PDB file of N, CA and C in Angstrom:
ATOM      1  N   MET A   1     142.423-108.305 138.364  1.00  0.00           N
ATOM      2  CA  MET A   1     141.367-109.315 138.859  1.00  0.00           C
ATOM      3  C   MET A   1     142.041-110.538 139.372  1.00  0.00           C
ATOM      4  N   ALA A   2     143.227-110.941 138.854  1.00  0.00           N
ATOM      5  CA  ALA A   2     143.844-112.050 139.504  1.00  0.00           C
ATOM      6  C   ALA A   2     144.007-111.870 140.884  1.00  0.00           C
ATOM      7  N   THR A   3     144.459-110.760 141.397  1.00  0.00           N
ATOM      8  CA  THR A   3     144.770-110.666 142.805  1.00  0.00           C
ATOM      9  C   THR A   3     143.540-110.934 143.652  1.00  0.00           C
ATOM     10  N   GLN A   4     142.345-110.561 143.184  1.00  0.00           N
ATOM     11  CA  GLN A   4     141.200-110.778 143.980  1.00  0.00           C
ATOM     12  C   GLN A   4     141.022-112.214 144.135  1.00  0.00           C
ATOM     13  N   ARG A   5     141.115-113.062 142.982  1.00  0.00           N
ATOM     14  CA  ARG A   5     140.948-114.443 143.030  1.00  0.00           C
ATOM     15  C   ARG A   5     141.864-115.098 144.020  1.00  0.00           C
ATOM     16  N   TYR A   6     143.139-114.673 143.986  1.00  0.00           N
ATOM     17  CA  TYR A   6     144.098-115.211 144.969  1.00  0.00           C
ATOM     18  C   TYR A   6     143.595-114.846 146.467  1.00  0.00           C
ATOM     19  N   THR A   7     143.198-113.711 146.752  1.00  0.00           N
ATOM     20  CA  THR A   7     142.666-113.346 147.990  1.00  0.00           C
ATOM     21  C   THR A   7     141.351-114.033 148.279  1.00  0.00           C
ATOM     22  N   ASP A   8     140.554-114.219 147.274  1.00  0.00           N
ATOM     23  CA  ASP A   8     139.299-115.121 147.810  1.00  0.00           C
ATOM     24  C   ASP A   8     139.747-116.529 148.086  1.00  0.00           C
ATOM     25  N   ARG A   9     140.756-117.065 147.312  1.00  0.00           N
ATOM     26  CA  ARG A   9     141.189-118.454 147.538  1.00  0.00           C
ATOM     27  C   ARG A   9     141.799-118.548 148.909  1.00  0.00           C
ATOM     28  N   LEU A  10     142.676-117.698 149.277  1.00  0.00           N
ATOM     29  CA  LEU A  10     143.323-117.653 150.477  1.00  0.00           C
ATOM     30  C   LEU A  10     142.370-117.533 151.637  1.00  0.00           C
ATOM     31  N   ASN A  11     141.398-116.634 151.504  1.00  0.00           N
ATOM     32  CA  ASN A  11     140.460-116.519 152.532  1.00  0.00           C
ATOM     33  C   ASN A  11     139.600-117.868 152.738  1.00  0.00           C
ATOM     34  N   GLU A  12     139.370-118.498 151.593  1.00  0.00           N
ATOM     35  CA  GLU A  12     138.529-119.754 151.759  1.00  0.00           C
ATOM     36  C   GLU A  12     139.502-120.794 152.572  1.00  0.00           C
ATOM     37  N   GLU A  13     140.753-120.868 152.313  1.00  0.00           N
ATOM     38  CA  GLU A  13     141.495-121.809 152.880  1.00  0.00           C
ATOM     39  C   GLU A  13     141.625-121.386 154.466  1.00  0.00           C
ATOM     40  N   ILE A  14     141.841-120.129 154.827  1.00  0.00           N
ATOM     41  CA  ILE A  14     141.963-119.612 156.088  1.00  0.00           C
ATOM     42  C   ILE A  14     140.834-119.837 156.837  1.00  0.00           C
ATOM     43  N   ARG A  15     139.578-119.739 156.354  1.00  0.00           N
ATOM     44  CA  ARG A  15     138.346-120.047 157.102  1.00  0.00           C
ATOM     45  C   ARG A  15     138.331-121.414 157.549  1.00  0.00           C
ATOM     46  N   ASP A  16     138.969-122.431 156.904  1.00  0.00           N
ATOM     47  CA  ASP A  16     138.978-123.736 157.300  1.00  0.00           C
ATOM     48  C   ASP A  16     139.931-124.086 158.349  1.00  0.00           C
ATOM     49  N   VAL A  17     140.827-123.249 158.664  1.00  0.00           N
ATOM     50  CA  VAL A  17     141.838-123.552 159.602  1.00  0.00           C
ATOM     51  C   VAL A  17     141.346-123.302 161.064  1.00  0.00           C
ATOM     52  N   PRO A  18     141.476-124.358 161.972  1.00  0.00           N
ATOM     53  CA  PRO A  18     141.064-124.179 163.330  1.00  0.00           C
ATOM     54  C   PRO A  18     141.841-122.995 164.049  1.00  0.00           C
ATOM     55  N   ASP A  19     141.195-122.193 164.927  1.00  0.00           N
ATOM     56  CA  ASP A  19     141.739-121.040 165.592  1.00  0.00           C
ATOM     57  C   ASP A  19     143.204-121.453 166.196  1.00  0.00           C
ATOM     58  N   GLU A  20     143.203-122.585 166.777  1.00  0.00           N
ATOM     59  CA  GLU A  20     144.437-122.842 167.556  1.00  0.00           C
ATOM     60  C   GLU A  20     145.596-123.045 166.606  1.00  0.00           C
ATOM     61  N   TYR A  21     145.499-123.084 165.328  1.00  0.00           N
ATOM     62  CA  TYR A  21     146.615-123.257 164.406  1.00  0.00           C
ATOM     63  C   TYR A  21     146.840-121.933 163.777  1.00  0.00           C
ATOM     64  N   MET A  22     146.061-120.873 164.034  1.00  0.00           N
ATOM     65  CA  MET A  22     146.178-119.625 163.410  1.00  0.00           C
ATOM     66  C   MET A  22     147.655-118.921 163.539  1.00  0.00           C
ATOM     67  N   PRO A  23     148.062-118.935 164.801  1.00  0.00           N
ATOM     68  CA  PRO A  23     149.359-118.360 165.056  1.00  0.00           C
ATOM     69  C   PRO A  23     150.603-119.221 164.134  1.00  0.00           C
ATOM     70  N   ALA A  24     150.434-120.305 164.069  1.00  0.00           N
ATOM     71  CA  ALA A  24     151.382-121.166 163.236  1.00  0.00           C
ATOM     72  C   ALA A  24     151.220-120.827 161.667  1.00  0.00           C
ATOM     73  N   LEU A  25     149.959-120.552 161.244  1.00  0.00           N
ATOM     74  CA  LEU A  25     149.704-120.145 159.821  1.00  0.00           C
ATOM     75  C   LEU A  25     150.347-118.637 159.554  1.00  0.00           C
ATOM     76  N   ILE A  26     150.183-117.829 160.541  1.00  0.00           N
ATOM     77  CA  ILE A  26     150.578-116.459 160.522  1.00  0.00           C
ATOM     78  C   ILE A  26     152.134-116.628 160.354  1.00  0.00           C
ATOM     79  N   ASP A  27     152.803-117.368 161.207  1.00  0.00           N
ATOM     80  CA  ASP A  27     154.294-117.514 161.029  1.00  0.00           C
ATOM     81  C   ASP A  27     154.717-118.016 159.691  1.00  0.00           C
ATOM     82  N   ILE A  28     153.992-118.936 159.202  1.00  0.00           N
ATOM     83  CA  ILE A  28     154.339-119.553 157.905  1.00  0.00           C
ATOM     84  C   ILE A  28     154.158-118.413 156.825  1.00  0.00           C
ATOM     85  N   VAL A  29     153.070-117.727 156.745  1.00  0.00           N
ATOM     86  CA  VAL A  29     152.887-116.729 155.750  1.00  0.00           C
ATOM     87  C   VAL A  29     153.919-115.661 155.900  1.00  0.00           C
ATOM     88  N   HIS A  30     154.261-115.268 157.035  1.00  0.00           N
ATOM     89  CA  HIS A  30     155.357-114.345 157.306  1.00  0.00           C
ATOM     90  C   HIS A  30     156.682-114.658 156.821  1.00  0.00           C
ATOM     91  N   ALA A  31     157.045-115.857 157.138  1.00  0.00           N
ATOM     92  CA  ALA A  31     158.278-116.526 156.714  1.00  0.00           C
ATOM     93  C   ALA A  31     158.345-116.712 155.197  1.00  0.00           C
ATOM     94  N   PHE A  32     157.259-116.912 154.597  1.00  0.00           N
ATOM     95  CA  PHE A  32     157.064-117.087 153.081  1.00  0.00           C
ATOM     96  C   PHE A  32     157.385-115.679 152.471  1.00  0.00           C
ATOM     97  N   ARG A  33     156.656-114.696 152.995  1.00  0.00           N
ATOM     98  CA  ARG A  33     156.903-113.341 152.552  1.00  0.00           C
ATOM     99  C   ARG A  33     158.228-112.770 152.633  1.00  0.00           C
ATOM    100  N   GLN A  34     158.796-112.993 153.797  1.00  0.00           N
ATOM    101  CA  GLN A  34     160.243-112.514 154.034  1.00  0.00           C
ATOM    102  C   GLN A  34     161.170-113.266 152.993  1.00  0.00           C
ATOM    103  N   GLY A  35     160.894-114.447 152.861  1.00  0.00           N
ATOM    104  CA  GLY A  35     161.837-115.379 151.899  1.00  0.00           C
ATOM    105  C   GLY A  35     161.712-114.742 150.499  1.00  0.00           C
ATOM    106  N   VAL A  36     160.445-114.314 150.076  1.00  0.00           N
ATOM    107  CA  VAL A  36     160.263-113.794 148.815  1.00  0.00           C
ATOM    108  C   VAL A  36     160.980-112.449 148.656  1.00  0.00           C
ATOM    109  N   VAL A  37     160.795-111.617 149.680  1.00  0.00           N
ATOM    110  CA  VAL A  37     161.496-110.307 149.734  1.00  0.00           C
ATOM    111  C   VAL A  37     162.878-110.441 149.689  1.00  0.00           C
ATOM    112  N   GLN A  38     163.410-111.398 150.395  1.00  0.00           N
ATOM    113  CA  GLN A  38     164.980-111.631 150.570  1.00  0.00           C
ATOM    114  C   GLN A  38     165.475-112.020 149.226  1.00  0.00           C
ATOM    115  N   LYS A  39     164.742-112.898 148.527  1.00  0.00           N
ATOM    116  CA  LYS A  39     165.216-113.475 147.241  1.00  0.00           C
ATOM    117  C   LYS A  39     165.261-112.237 146.175  1.00  0.00           C
ATOM    118  N   SER A  40     164.156-111.484 146.256  1.00  0.00           N
ATOM    119  CA  SER A  40     164.178-110.423 145.250  1.00  0.00           C
ATOM    120  C   SER A  40     165.478-109.431 145.449  1.00  0.00           C
ATOM    121  N   LEU A  41     165.673-109.193 146.854  1.00  0.00           N
ATOM    122  CA  LEU A  41     166.675-108.342 147.249  1.00  0.00           C
ATOM    123  C   LEU A  41     168.154-108.844 146.821  1.00  0.00           C
ATOM    124  N   GLU A  42     168.339-110.193 146.990  1.00  0.00           N
ATOM    125  CA  GLU A  42     169.511-110.703 146.607  1.00  0.00           C
ATOM    126  C   GLU A  42     169.792-110.844 145.125  1.00  0.00           C
ATOM    127  N   GLU A  43     168.584-111.076 144.273  1.00  0.00           N
ATOM    128  CA  GLU A  43     168.735-111.041 142.838  1.00  0.00           C
ATOM    129  C   GLU A  43     168.984-109.669 142.323  1.00  0.00           C
ATOM    130  N   SER A  44     168.563-108.546 142.980  1.00  0.00           N
ATOM    131  CA  SER A  44     168.824-107.280 142.648  1.00  0.00           C
ATOM    132  C   SER A  44     170.299-106.783 142.751  1.00  0.00           C
ATOM    133  N   ILE A  45     170.642-107.213 144.012  1.00  0.00           N
ATOM    134  CA  ILE A  45     172.211-106.959 144.415  1.00  0.00           C
ATOM    135  C   ILE A  45     173.084-107.752 143.377  1.00  0.00           C
ATOM    136  N   GLN A  46     172.701-108.990 143.149  1.00  0.00           N
ATOM    137  CA  GLN A  46     173.700-109.658 142.162  1.00  0.00           C
ATOM    138  C   GLN A  46     173.540-109.143 140.735  1.00  0.00           C
ATOM    139  N   ARG A  47     172.323-108.561 140.296  1.00  0.00           N
ATOM    140  CA  ARG A  47     172.242-107.952 139.056  1.00  0.00           C
ATOM    141  C   ARG A  47     173.041-106.652 138.936  1.00  0.00           C
ATOM    142  N   SER A  48     172.955-105.907 140.069  1.00  0.00           N
ATOM    143  CA  SER A  48     173.694-104.685 140.162  1.00  0.00           C
ATOM    144  C   SER A  48     175.179-104.776 140.073  1.00  0.00           C
ATOM    145  N   LEU A  49     175.611-105.866 140.835  1.00  0.00           N
ATOM    146  CA  LEU A  49     177.027-106.125 140.853  1.00  0.00           C
ATOM    147  C   LEU A  49     177.502-106.633 139.471  1.00  0.00           C
ATOM    148  N   LYS A  50     176.936-107.307 138.749  1.00  0.00           N
ATOM    149  CA  LYS A  50     177.233-107.695 137.381  1.00  0.00           C
ATOM    150  C   LYS A  50     177.459-106.655 136.495  1.00  0.00           C
ATOM    151  N   GLN A  51     176.280-105.661 136.629  1.00  0.00           N
ATOM    152  CA  GLN A  51     176.294-104.414 135.932  1.00  0.00           C
ATOM    153  C   GLN A  51     177.552-103.617 136.117  1.00  0.00           C
ATOM    154  N   ALA A  52     177.900-103.460 137.416  1.00  0.00           N
ATOM    155  CA  ALA A  52     179.044-102.683 137.786  1.00  0.00           C
ATOM    156  C   ALA A  52     180.424-103.283 137.166  1.00  0.00           C
ATOM    157  N   GLN A  53     180.447-104.520 137.373  1.00  0.00           N
ATOM    158  CA  GLN A  53     181.500-105.291 136.840  1.00  0.00           C
ATOM    159  C   GLN A  53     181.818-105.209 135.285  1.00  0.00           C
ATOM    160  N   ALA A  54     180.568-105.052 134.658  1.00  0.00           N
ATOM    161  CA  ALA A  54     180.655-104.959 133.170  1.00  0.00           C
ATOM    162  C   ALA A  54     180.763-103.553 132.738  1.00  0.00           C
ATOM    163  N   GLY A  55     180.961-102.602 133.658  1.00  0.00           N
ATOM    164  CA  GLY A  55     181.089-101.266 133.455  1.00  0.00           C
ATOM    165  C   GLY A  55     179.890-100.505 132.956  1.00  0.00           C
ATOM    166  N   GLU A  56     178.802-101.143 133.304  1.00  0.00           N
ATOM    167  CA  GLU A  56     177.504-100.445 133.099  1.00  0.00           C
ATOM    168  C   GLU A  56     177.009 -99.687 134.311  1.00  0.00           C
ATOM    169  N   THR A  57     177.716 -98.344 134.380  1.00  0.00           N
ATOM    170  CA  THR A  57     177.586 -97.503 135.382  1.00  0.00           C
ATOM    171  C   THR A  57     177.229 -96.130 134.824  1.00  0.00           C
ATOM    172  N   PHE A  58     176.822 -95.257 135.834  1.00  0.00           N
ATOM    173  CA  PHE A  58     176.382 -93.891 135.445  1.00  0.00           C
ATOM    174  C   PHE A  58     177.177 -93.008 136.294  1.00  0.00           C
ATOM    175  N   PRO A  59     177.572 -91.768 135.872  1.00  0.00           N
ATOM    176  CA  PRO A  59     178.246 -90.852 136.793  1.00  0.00           C
ATOM    177  C   PRO A  59     177.284 -90.550 138.019  1.00  0.00           C
ATOM    178  N   ILE A  60     177.974 -90.408 139.216  1.00  0.00           N
ATOM    179  CA  ILE A  60     177.126 -90.202 140.440  1.00  0.00           C
ATOM    180  C   ILE A  60     176.148 -88.951 140.281  1.00  0.00           C
ATOM    181  N   ASP A  61     176.729 -87.949 139.670  1.00  0.00           N
ATOM    182  CA  ASP A  61     175.937 -86.614 139.560  1.00  0.00           C
ATOM    183  C   ASP A  61     174.726 -86.656 138.657  1.00  0.00           C
ATOM    184  N   THR A  62     174.594 -87.842 137.879  1.00  0.00           N
ATOM    185  CA  THR A  62     173.458 -87.905 137.144  1.00  0.00           C
ATOM    186  C   THR A  62     172.293 -88.899 137.637  1.00  0.00           C
ATOM    187  N   LEU A  63     172.552 -89.578 138.751  1.00  0.00           N
ATOM    188  CA  LEU A  63     171.776 -90.545 139.189  1.00  0.00           C
ATOM    189  C   LEU A  63     170.290 -90.061 139.756  1.00  0.00           C
ATOM    190  N   TRP A  64     170.349 -88.732 140.166  1.00  0.00           N
ATOM    191  CA  TRP A  64     169.064 -88.269 140.588  1.00  0.00           C
ATOM    192  C   TRP A  64     168.395 -87.467 139.683  1.00  0.00           C
ATOM    193  N   ASP A  65     168.942 -87.286 138.443  1.00  0.00           N
ATOM    194  CA  ASP A  65     168.356 -86.361 137.347  1.00  0.00           C
ATOM    195  C   ASP A  65     166.830 -86.718 137.220  1.00  0.00           C
ATOM    196  N   ASP A  66     166.595 -87.961 136.913  1.00  0.00           N
ATOM    197  CA  ASP A  66     165.230 -88.304 136.694  1.00  0.00           C
ATOM    198  C   ASP A  66     164.242 -87.958 137.843  1.00  0.00           C
ATOM    199  N   LEU A  67     164.674 -88.157 139.026  1.00  0.00           N
ATOM    200  CA  LEU A  67     163.931 -87.782 140.129  1.00  0.00           C
ATOM    201  C   LEU A  67     163.542 -86.275 140.399  1.00  0.00           C
ATOM    202  N   ASP A  68     164.604 -85.567 140.125  1.00  0.00           N
ATOM    203  CA  ASP A  68     164.387 -84.054 140.124  1.00  0.00           C
ATOM    204  C   ASP A  68     163.375 -83.666 139.077  1.00  0.00           C
ATOM    205  N   ASN A  69     163.582 -84.106 137.805  1.00  0.00           N
ATOM    206  CA  ASN A  69     162.467 -83.914 136.812  1.00  0.00           C
ATOM    207  C   ASN A  69     161.066 -84.367 137.092  1.00  0.00           C
ATOM    208  N   GLU A  70     161.065 -85.506 137.763  1.00  0.00           N
ATOM    209  CA  GLU A  70     159.829 -86.003 138.143  1.00  0.00           C
ATOM    210  C   GLU A  70     159.075 -85.153 139.279  1.00  0.00           C
ATOM    211  N   SER A  71     159.894 -84.770 140.089  1.00  0.00           N
ATOM    212  CA  SER A  71     159.309 -83.797 141.248  1.00  0.00           C
ATOM    213  C   SER A  71     158.923 -82.413 140.629  1.00  0.00           C
ATOM    214  N   ASP A  72     159.621 -81.964 139.720  1.00  0.00           N
ATOM    215  CA  ASP A  72     159.138 -80.755 139.009  1.00  0.00           C
ATOM    216  C   ASP A  72     157.925 -80.933 138.318  1.00  0.00           C
ATOM    217  N   VAL A  73     157.666 -82.076 137.693  1.00  0.00           N
ATOM    218  CA  VAL A  73     156.233 -82.394 137.060  1.00  0.00           C
ATOM    219  C   VAL A  73     155.159 -82.334 138.118  1.00  0.00           C
ATOM    220  N   HIS A  74     155.379 -83.132 139.205  1.00  0.00           N
ATOM    221  CA  HIS A  74     154.228 -83.202 140.287  1.00  0.00           C
ATOM    222  C   HIS A  74     154.054 -82.058 140.912  1.00  0.00           C
ATOM    223  N   SER A  75     155.054 -81.087 141.090  1.00  0.00           N
ATOM    224  CA  SER A  75     154.785 -79.734 141.800  1.00  0.00           C
ATOM    225  C   SER A  75     154.112 -78.773 141.059  1.00  0.00           C
ATOM    226  N   HIS A  76     153.754 -78.994 139.821  1.00  0.00           N
ATOM    227  CA  HIS A  76     152.984 -77.918 138.921  1.00  0.00           C
ATOM    228  C   HIS A  76     151.643 -78.448 138.813  1.00  0.00           C
TER     229      HIS A  76
END
């Protein structure tokens, strides 16, 4: 439900923006979204690097075991 409230609030704000400023608003929203995705990616890479440095690794041949089991479940 919270997502809908955010969507409603954003829609209200967007309705009040004059048409000539819409391209700039779209650029701002796009840049914000890209920044959030980039930050998440950087955090994930840093976390993975720390895990590898700490020896928290798995043998390569076991990395896809869960995916294979999951596809077996979905195929039945």
